[in-house]
């Protein structure tokens, strides 16, 4: 059974899904240096200091030449980018998701149908295969959102980017997991995951989502094939 510090890594279809409830700043202290292959996360956009902390933490726990993918709010782009750069990572590219279907937030009279994600890196990261930097996502009416966090991102878009930035059996870390989109996609794609969520009810919703997610149909589960992670 593979562990990362005190944390059990998936894919586990029990309550110990690799989703832990608590403050990410405290929980992340148990992650060994240079033990994470990809960070993919969605902080609260207005909490700019969380982006600064995220970059500092990522510079420590990411393996060399690995990526941080982080969603942000377009009106806060400059502040968010400055905070991430202060953490010691390097900006690489902007990724964007255009939303089809109903919905979309309204800001200053503008209907916002685009959501953006920064690609920052430690060293020189590269994608596993070619991927479009603009993806089409789907919004659902709030009444149709079943077992989904209010701010959850489109699962197919998450899947395409996650698949492009890491290999099977590699470790993906999401310190602000919300409804658990990243862990669920990791289970679907045969990646290992570590995720934190500060709200207990939201964490349990994310665990339930992962429990109900099917692992890959073919091939051994990652925990059957992955070597143990070294304790730094």
Protein backbone atom coordinates (compact mmCIF):
# COMPACT_ATOMS: atom_id res chain seq x y z
CA UNK A 1 0.00 0.00 0.00
CA UNK A 2 1.53 3.33 -1.07
CA UNK A 3 1.76 6.26 1.32
CA UNK A 4 2.83 9.87 1.09
CA UNK A 5 3.92 10.84 4.57
CA UNK A 6 0.98 9.96 6.81
CA UNK A 7 -1.43 10.11 3.87
CA UNK A 8 -2.79 7.07 2.08
CA UNK A 9 -2.99 7.54 -1.68
CA UNK A 10 -5.74 6.21 -3.98
CA UNK A 11 -7.45 4.91 -5.88
CA UNK A 12 -9.36 3.89 -2.75
CA UNK A 13 -13.11 3.47 -2.95
CA UNK A 14 -13.60 3.84 0.80
CA UNK A 15 -13.83 6.86 3.04
CA UNK A 16 -10.03 7.05 2.98
CA UNK A 17 -10.09 8.28 -0.59
CA UNK A 18 -7.04 10.48 -0.19
CA UNK A 19 -9.39 13.42 0.58
CA UNK A 20 -8.56 14.89 3.98
CA UNK A 21 -10.51 17.52 5.87
CA UNK A 22 -8.54 20.39 7.33
CA UNK A 23 -6.52 23.51 6.60
CA UNK A 24 -4.32 22.92 3.54
CA UNK A 25 -1.52 25.05 4.98
CA UNK A 26 -1.22 22.73 7.97
CA UNK A 27 -1.90 19.44 6.21
CA UNK A 28 0.62 20.14 3.45
CA UNK A 29 3.48 20.26 6.00
CA UNK A 30 3.36 16.44 6.04
CA UNK A 31 4.10 16.15 2.31
CA UNK A 32 7.73 15.26 1.58
CA UNK A 33 9.83 17.53 -0.60
CA UNK A 34 9.73 16.84 -4.36
CA UNK A 35 7.15 14.06 -4.10
CA UNK A 36 4.27 15.43 -6.24
CA UNK A 37 4.03 15.08 -10.04
CA UNK A 38 1.26 17.63 -10.67
CA UNK A 39 -0.74 20.16 -8.67
CA UNK A 40 -4.17 20.92 -10.16
CA UNK A 41 -6.45 23.05 -7.99
CA UNK A 42 -9.16 25.71 -7.75
CA UNK A 43 -8.72 28.15 -4.81
CA UNK A 44 -11.17 30.83 -3.72
CA UNK A 45 -10.29 33.49 -6.27
CA UNK A 46 -10.47 36.48 -3.91
CA UNK A 47 -8.00 34.93 -1.45
CA UNK A 48 -4.88 36.17 -3.23
CA UNK A 49 -2.62 35.22 -0.33
CA UNK A 50 -3.64 31.58 -0.89
CA UNK A 51 -2.07 31.78 -4.37
CA UNK A 52 1.19 33.06 -2.89
CA UNK A 53 1.20 30.26 -0.35
CA UNK A 54 0.29 27.76 -3.07
CA UNK A 55 3.29 28.74 -5.18
CA UNK A 56 5.67 28.57 -2.21
CA UNK A 57 4.35 25.15 -1.22
CA UNK A 58 4.45 23.94 -4.85
CA UNK A 59 8.09 24.97 -5.18
CA UNK A 60 8.84 22.63 -2.29
CA UNK A 61 6.66 19.58 -2.96
CA UNK A 62 6.68 19.40 -6.77
CA UNK A 63 9.24 17.19 -8.43
CA UNK A 64 11.69 19.00 -10.72
CA UNK A 65 10.23 19.96 -14.10
CA UNK A 66 6.61 19.61 -12.95
CA UNK A 67 3.55 21.81 -13.35
CA UNK A 68 1.04 23.71 -11.27
CA UNK A 69 -2.37 24.22 -12.91
CA UNK A 70 -4.53 26.69 -10.99
CA UNK A 71 -7.84 28.34 -11.85
CA UNK A 72 -8.18 32.08 -11.35
CA UNK A 73 -10.59 34.97 -11.91
CA UNK A 74 -9.92 37.11 -14.99
CA UNK A 75 -10.51 40.45 -13.17
CA UNK A 76 -7.86 39.38 -10.63
CA UNK A 77 -5.36 38.09 -13.19
CA UNK A 78 -2.56 40.57 -12.46
CA UNK A 79 -2.80 40.16 -8.69
CA UNK A 80 -2.95 36.38 -8.97
CA UNK A 81 0.01 36.17 -11.34
CA UNK A 82 2.13 38.42 -9.12
CA UNK A 83 1.31 36.28 -6.09
CA UNK A 84 2.27 33.07 -7.91
CA UNK A 85 5.52 34.55 -9.16
CA UNK A 86 6.47 35.66 -5.65
CA UNK A 87 6.26 32.01 -4.64
CA UNK A 88 9.20 31.10 -6.87
CA UNK A 89 7.53 29.38 -9.83
CA UNK A 90 7.69 30.43 -13.49
CA UNK A 91 4.68 31.34 -15.64
CA UNK A 92 4.34 29.17 -18.78
CA UNK A 93 0.90 29.60 -20.40
CA UNK A 94 -2.78 30.42 -20.03
CA UNK A 95 -5.35 27.66 -20.42
CA UNK A 96 -9.00 28.58 -20.98
CA UNK A 97 -12.38 26.87 -20.78
CA UNK A 98 -15.29 28.31 -22.75
CA UNK A 99 -18.69 27.35 -21.34
CA UNK A 100 -21.62 26.19 -23.43
CA UNK A 101 -25.14 25.61 -22.15
CA UNK A 102 -27.14 27.77 -19.76
CA UNK A 103 -25.65 29.80 -16.99
CA UNK A 104 -22.57 31.96 -16.68
CA UNK A 105 -21.80 34.66 -14.16
CA UNK A 106 -22.62 38.32 -14.82
CA UNK A 107 -19.97 40.90 -13.98
CA UNK A 108 -20.41 44.63 -14.71
CA UNK A 109 -23.07 43.81 -17.29
CA UNK A 110 -20.88 41.19 -19.03
CA UNK A 111 -22.01 37.56 -19.18
CA UNK A 112 -18.84 35.62 -18.42
CA UNK A 113 -18.64 32.36 -20.38
CA UNK A 114 -14.88 31.80 -20.05
CA UNK A 115 -12.86 30.50 -17.13
CA UNK A 116 -9.06 30.66 -17.05
CA UNK A 117 -6.33 28.48 -15.62
CA UNK A 118 -2.65 29.37 -15.16
CA UNK A 119 0.11 26.95 -16.08
CA UNK A 120 3.06 27.65 -13.79
CA UNK A 121 6.04 25.36 -13.50
CA UNK A 122 8.98 24.33 -11.40
CA UNK A 123 11.87 24.02 -13.81
CA UNK A 124 10.74 23.14 -17.34
CA UNK A 125 7.55 21.10 -17.39
CA UNK A 126 6.13 19.50 -20.52
CA UNK A 127 2.84 17.87 -21.43
CA UNK A 128 2.72 14.11 -21.95
CA UNK A 129 0.90 14.64 -25.24
CA UNK A 130 -0.40 17.57 -27.26
CA UNK A 131 -3.43 19.31 -25.77
CA UNK A 132 -5.44 22.36 -26.79
CA UNK A 133 -5.01 25.36 -24.53
CA UNK A 134 -8.69 26.25 -25.10
CA UNK A 135 -11.33 23.67 -24.19
CA UNK A 136 -15.12 23.63 -24.42
CA UNK A 137 -16.90 23.00 -21.13
CA UNK A 138 -20.57 22.64 -20.23
CA UNK A 139 -22.54 24.49 -17.57
CA UNK A 140 -25.58 22.96 -15.91
CA UNK A 141 -28.54 24.71 -14.27
CA UNK A 142 -28.05 24.67 -10.51
CA UNK A 143 -31.11 22.45 -10.07
CA UNK A 144 -29.43 19.81 -12.21
CA UNK A 145 -26.20 19.74 -10.23
CA UNK A 146 -26.29 16.40 -8.43
CA UNK A 147 -23.45 15.60 -6.03
CA UNK A 148 -21.55 18.62 -7.38
CA UNK A 149 -19.95 21.53 -5.59
CA UNK A 150 -21.37 24.94 -6.57
CA UNK A 151 -18.08 26.03 -8.17
CA UNK A 152 -17.12 22.64 -9.65
CA UNK A 153 -15.27 22.74 -12.96
CA UNK A 154 -16.26 20.74 -16.04
CA UNK A 155 -15.13 17.13 -15.61
CA UNK A 156 -14.21 16.37 -19.27
CA UNK A 157 -12.01 19.49 -19.43
CA UNK A 158 -10.33 18.52 -16.16
CA UNK A 159 -9.79 15.05 -17.57
CA UNK A 160 -8.16 16.25 -20.78
CA UNK A 161 -5.73 18.59 -19.03
CA UNK A 162 -4.90 16.20 -16.20
CA UNK A 163 -4.25 13.40 -18.69
CA UNK A 164 -1.93 15.69 -20.65
CA UNK A 165 0.15 16.79 -17.67
CA UNK A 166 0.85 13.50 -15.88
CA UNK A 167 1.35 9.81 -16.53
CA UNK A 168 -0.59 6.86 -15.04
CA UNK A 169 0.44 6.09 -11.44
CA UNK A 170 1.81 9.58 -10.87
CA UNK A 171 0.67 11.64 -7.89
CA UNK A 172 -1.73 14.57 -8.36
CA UNK A 173 -2.27 17.00 -5.47
CA UNK A 174 -5.34 19.24 -5.05
CA UNK A 175 -5.14 21.34 -1.85
CA UNK A 176 -8.53 23.05 -2.45
CA UNK A 177 -10.56 20.14 -3.78
CA UNK A 178 -14.13 21.36 -3.17
CA UNK A 179 -16.51 18.78 -4.63
CA UNK A 180 -13.71 16.44 -5.67
CA UNK A 181 -13.51 16.83 -9.45
CA UNK A 182 -9.73 16.31 -9.54
CA UNK A 183 -9.70 13.18 -7.32
CA UNK A 184 -12.63 11.69 -9.26
CA UNK A 185 -10.83 12.25 -12.56
CA UNK A 186 -7.65 10.77 -11.09
CA UNK A 187 -9.54 7.61 -10.20
CA UNK A 188 -11.02 7.44 -13.69
CA UNK A 189 -7.59 7.83 -15.32
CA UNK A 190 -5.55 5.63 -12.99
CA UNK A 191 -3.60 8.41 -11.31
CA UNK A 192 -2.91 8.57 -7.59
CA UNK A 193 -4.24 11.56 -5.69
CA UNK A 194 -3.94 13.56 -2.53
CA UNK A 195 -6.62 16.19 -1.83
CA UNK A 196 -7.54 18.56 1.00
CA UNK A 197 -10.82 20.31 1.79
CA UNK A 198 -11.39 22.58 4.78
CA UNK A 199 -15.19 22.13 5.02
CA UNK A 200 -16.24 18.75 6.47
CA UNK A 201 -19.57 18.52 4.61
CA UNK A 202 -17.91 19.37 1.31
CA UNK A 203 -15.11 16.87 2.00
CA UNK A 204 -17.66 14.11 2.58
CA UNK A 205 -19.47 15.06 -0.64
CA UNK A 206 -16.15 14.77 -2.48
CA UNK A 207 -15.43 11.38 -0.89
CA UNK A 208 -18.87 10.15 -1.93
CA UNK A 209 -18.27 11.33 -5.46
CA UNK A 210 -14.98 9.45 -5.64
CA UNK A 211 -16.55 6.32 -4.14
CA UNK A 212 -19.11 6.41 -6.95
CA UNK A 213 -16.48 6.93 -9.65
CA UNK A 214 -15.36 3.93 -11.67
CA UNK A 215 -11.61 3.18 -11.96
CA UNK A 216 -10.05 2.29 -15.33
CA UNK A 217 -11.59 -0.81 -16.90
CA UNK A 218 -8.30 -2.28 -18.05
CA UNK A 219 -4.91 -2.64 -16.44
CA UNK A 220 -3.84 -2.95 -12.79
CA UNK A 221 -4.77 -0.30 -10.27
CA UNK A 222 -1.99 2.19 -9.53
CA UNK A 223 -1.61 0.99 -5.95
CA UNK A 224 -0.76 -2.45 -7.36
CA UNK A 225 2.04 -1.19 -9.58
CA UNK A 226 3.46 2.04 -8.16
CA UNK A 227 6.69 1.90 -6.14
CA UNK A 228 6.63 3.33 -2.59
CA UNK A 229 7.30 7.05 -2.31
CA UNK A 230 10.49 7.93 -0.47
CA UNK A 231 10.12 9.84 2.77
CA UNK A 232 12.14 13.05 2.40
